[in-house]
C-alpha atoms as a PDB file:
ATOM      1  CA  UNK A   1      13.569  28.119  85.074  1.00  0.00           C
ATOM      2  CA  UNK A   2      13.902  30.041  88.314  1.00  0.00           C
ATOM      3  CA  UNK A   3      17.797  29.871  88.159  1.00  0.00           C
ATOM      4  CA  UNK A   4      17.910  30.816  84.600  1.00  0.00           C
ATOM      5  CA  UNK A   5      15.354  33.741  85.268  1.00  0.00           C
ATOM      6  CA  UNK A   6      17.743  35.013  87.980  1.00  0.00           C
ATOM      7  CA  UNK A   7      20.734  34.814  85.790  1.00  0.00           C
ATOM      8  CA  UNK A   8      19.057  36.530  83.138  1.00  0.00           C
ATOM      9  CA  UNK A   9      17.960  39.333  85.526  1.00  0.00           C
ATOM     10  CA  UNK A  10      21.538  39.889  86.633  1.00  0.00           C
ATOM     11  CA  UNK A  11      22.630  39.908  82.953  1.00  0.00           C
ATOM     12  CA  UNK A  12      20.042  42.233  81.644  1.00  0.00           C
ATOM     13  CA  UNK A  13      20.590  44.580  84.762  1.00  0.00           C
ATOM     14  CA  UNK A  14      24.279  44.953  83.874  1.00  0.00           C
ATOM     15  CA  UNK A  15      23.468  45.589  80.253  1.00  0.00           C
ATOM     16  CA  UNK A  16      20.949  48.209  81.145  1.00  0.00           C
ATOM     17  CA  UNK A  17      23.472  49.846  83.500  1.00  0.00           C
ATOM     18  CA  UNK A  18      26.026  49.805  80.576  1.00  0.00           C
ATOM     19  CA  UNK A  19      23.406  51.528  78.341  1.00  0.00           C
ATOM     20  CA  UNK A  20      22.658  54.028  81.157  1.00  0.00           C
ATOM     21  CA  UNK A  21      26.168  54.969  81.559  1.00  0.00           C
ATOM     22  CA  UNK A  22      26.871  55.327  77.880  1.00  0.00           C
ATOM     23  CA  UNK A  23      23.910  57.474  77.144  1.00  0.00           C
ATOM     24  CA  UNK A  24      24.801  59.747  79.924  1.00  0.00           C
ATOM     25  CA  UNK A  25      27.719  60.922  77.881  1.00  0.00           C
ATOM     26  CA  UNK A  26      27.322  64.675  77.138  1.00  0.00           C
ATOM     27  CA  UNK A  27      29.168  64.432  73.928  1.00  0.00           C
ATOM     28  CA  UNK A  28      26.443  62.312  72.190  1.00  0.00           C
ATOM     29  CA  UNK A  29      23.955  64.066  69.839  1.00  0.00           C
ATOM     30  CA  UNK A  30      20.348  63.124  70.014  1.00  0.00           C
ATOM     31  CA  UNK A  31      20.656  60.700  66.928  1.00  0.00           C
ATOM     32  CA  UNK A  32      23.550  58.760  68.554  1.00  0.00           C
ATOM     33  CA  UNK A  33      21.537  58.448  71.814  1.00  0.00           C
ATOM     34  CA  UNK A  34      18.717  56.540  70.118  1.00  0.00           C
ATOM     35  CA  UNK A  35      18.681  52.752  70.152  1.00  0.00           C
ATOM     36  CA  UNK A  36      15.735  51.212  68.076  1.00  0.00           C
ATOM     37  CA  UNK A  37      16.664  47.546  68.096  1.00  0.00           C
ATOM     38  CA  UNK A  38      19.192  45.250  69.723  1.00  0.00           C
ATOM     39  CA  UNK A  39      20.657  42.294  67.798  1.00  0.00           C
ATOM     40  CA  UNK A  40      21.778  39.177  69.551  1.00  0.00           C
ATOM     41  CA  UNK A  41      23.950  36.479  68.146  1.00  0.00           C
ATOM     42  CA  UNK A  42      26.265  33.654  69.429  1.00  0.00           C
ATOM     43  CA  UNK A  43      25.327  30.731  71.633  1.00  0.00           C
ATOM     44  CA  UNK A  44      24.193  32.571  74.553  1.00  0.00           C
ATOM     45  CA  UNK A  45      21.447  34.542  72.617  1.00  0.00           C
ATOM     46  CA  UNK A  46      19.277  31.211  72.889  1.00  0.00           C
ATOM     47  CA  UNK A  47      19.419  31.258  76.778  1.00  0.00           C
ATOM     48  CA  UNK A  48      15.689  30.562  77.689  1.00  0.00           C
ATOM     49  CA  UNK A  49      13.873  33.954  78.249  1.00  0.00           C
ATOM     50  CA  UNK A  50      16.973  36.203  77.678  1.00  0.00           C
ATOM     51  CA  UNK A  51      15.657  38.013  74.738  1.00  0.00           C
ATOM     52  CA  UNK A  52      12.268  38.632  76.412  1.00  0.00           C
ATOM     53  CA  UNK A  53      13.963  39.745  79.546  1.00  0.00           C
ATOM     54  CA  UNK A  54      15.958  42.300  77.650  1.00  0.00           C
ATOM     55  CA  UNK A  55      13.049  43.419  75.536  1.00  0.00           C
ATOM     56  CA  UNK A  56      11.178  44.263  78.813  1.00  0.00           C
ATOM     57  CA  UNK A  57      13.851  45.912  80.668  1.00  0.00           C
ATOM     58  CA  UNK A  58      15.160  48.017  77.667  1.00  0.00           C
ATOM     59  CA  UNK A  59      11.628  48.715  76.220  1.00  0.00           C
ATOM     60  CA  UNK A  60      13.013  47.921  72.577  1.00  0.00           C
ATOM     61  CA  UNK A  61      12.761  44.918  70.211  1.00  0.00           C
ATOM     62  CA  UNK A  62      15.314  42.256  70.557  1.00  0.00           C
ATOM     63  CA  UNK A  63      16.141  40.249  67.540  1.00  0.00           C
ATOM     64  CA  UNK A  64      18.199  37.078  67.249  1.00  0.00           C
ATOM     65  CA  UNK A  65      20.565  37.341  64.253  1.00  0.00           C
ATOM     66  CA  UNK A  66      20.811  34.513  61.673  1.00  0.00           C
ATOM     67  CA  UNK A  67      23.873  35.268  59.522  1.00  0.00           C
ATOM     68  CA  UNK A  68      22.752  32.934  56.914  1.00  0.00           C
ATOM     69  CA  UNK A  69      19.583  34.805  56.284  1.00  0.00           C
ATOM     70  CA  UNK A  70      20.644  36.666  53.205  1.00  0.00           C
ATOM     71  CA  UNK A  71      23.343  34.134  52.138  1.00  0.00           C
ATOM     72  CA  UNK A  72      22.521  31.742  49.278  1.00  0.00           C
ATOM     73  CA  UNK A  73      23.033  28.376  50.867  1.00  0.00           C
ATOM     74  CA  UNK A  74      22.830  24.962  48.970  1.00  0.00           C
ATOM     75  CA  UNK A  75      20.227  22.655  50.603  1.00  0.00           C
ATOM     76  CA  UNK A  76      22.024  19.824  48.933  1.00  0.00           C
ATOM     77  CA  UNK A  77      25.217  20.499  50.960  1.00  0.00           C
ATOM     78  CA  UNK A  78      23.769  21.877  54.223  1.00  0.00           C
ATOM     79  CA  UNK A  79      20.970  20.840  56.410  1.00  0.00           C
ATOM     80  CA  UNK A  80      18.576  23.946  56.221  1.00  0.00           C
ATOM     81  CA  UNK A  81      16.813  23.110  59.470  1.00  0.00           C
ATOM     82  CA  UNK A  82      20.083  23.162  61.319  1.00  0.00           C
ATOM     83  CA  UNK A  83      21.043  26.582  59.925  1.00  0.00           C
ATOM     84  CA  UNK A  84      17.836  28.057  60.705  1.00  0.00           C
ATOM     85  CA  UNK A  85      17.878  26.720  64.357  1.00  0.00           C
ATOM     86  CA  UNK A  86      21.631  27.251  64.947  1.00  0.00           C
ATOM     87  CA  UNK A  87      22.791  29.849  62.410  1.00  0.00           C
ATOM     88  CA  UNK A  88      23.194  32.325  65.243  1.00  0.00           C
ATOM     89  CA  UNK A  89      26.154  30.500  66.598  1.00  0.00           C
ATOM     90  CA  UNK A  90      28.061  31.220  63.308  1.00  0.00           C
ATOM     91  CA  UNK A  91      27.945  34.839  63.272  1.00  0.00           C
ATOM     92  CA  UNK A  92      31.684  35.431  63.565  1.00  0.00           C
ATOM     93  CA  UNK A  93      32.854  32.678  61.130  1.00  0.00           C
ATOM     94  CA  UNK A  94      30.133  33.750  58.473  1.00  0.00           C
ATOM     95  CA  UNK A  95      31.494  37.397  58.704  1.00  0.00           C
ATOM     96  CA  UNK A  96      35.118  36.233  58.394  1.00  0.00           C
ATOM     97  CA  UNK A  97      34.111  34.014  55.576  1.00  0.00           C
ATOM     98  CA  UNK A  98      32.785  36.968  53.537  1.00  0.00           C
ATOM     99  CA  UNK A  99      35.808  39.058  53.780  1.00  0.00           C
ATOM    100  CA  UNK A 100      38.293  39.550  51.125  1.00  0.00           C
ATOM    101  CA  UNK A 101      41.896  38.716  51.714  1.00  0.00           C
ATOM    102  CA  UNK A 102      42.834  42.326  51.233  1.00  0.00           C
ATOM    103  CA  UNK A 103      40.710  43.601  53.996  1.00  0.00           C
ATOM    104  CA  UNK A 104      43.702  43.381  56.452  1.00  0.00           C
ATOM    105  CA  UNK A 105      43.838  41.973  59.904  1.00  0.00           C
END
């Protein structure tokens, strides 16, 4: 836990510095400079304590995205418990699967 916490602190520190740098941009208007929520996806978003460390440092709610949340999935074809626990890993593939062939690259 100690090592994971140290890595989380380093990662969150880098993210916070990036936010701070971006929001120092004088060309942003007030509406663009407000972040109300952060959404995490991918395998790394389940690193123990990462979401909590980010919420504490950034002082905003952190949400882990499940791309299947609003997609109708057949429980006969897919293990629903697996999708609920591991859905965050499939964000890119679910997004690509919803595109039309005419969407381009």
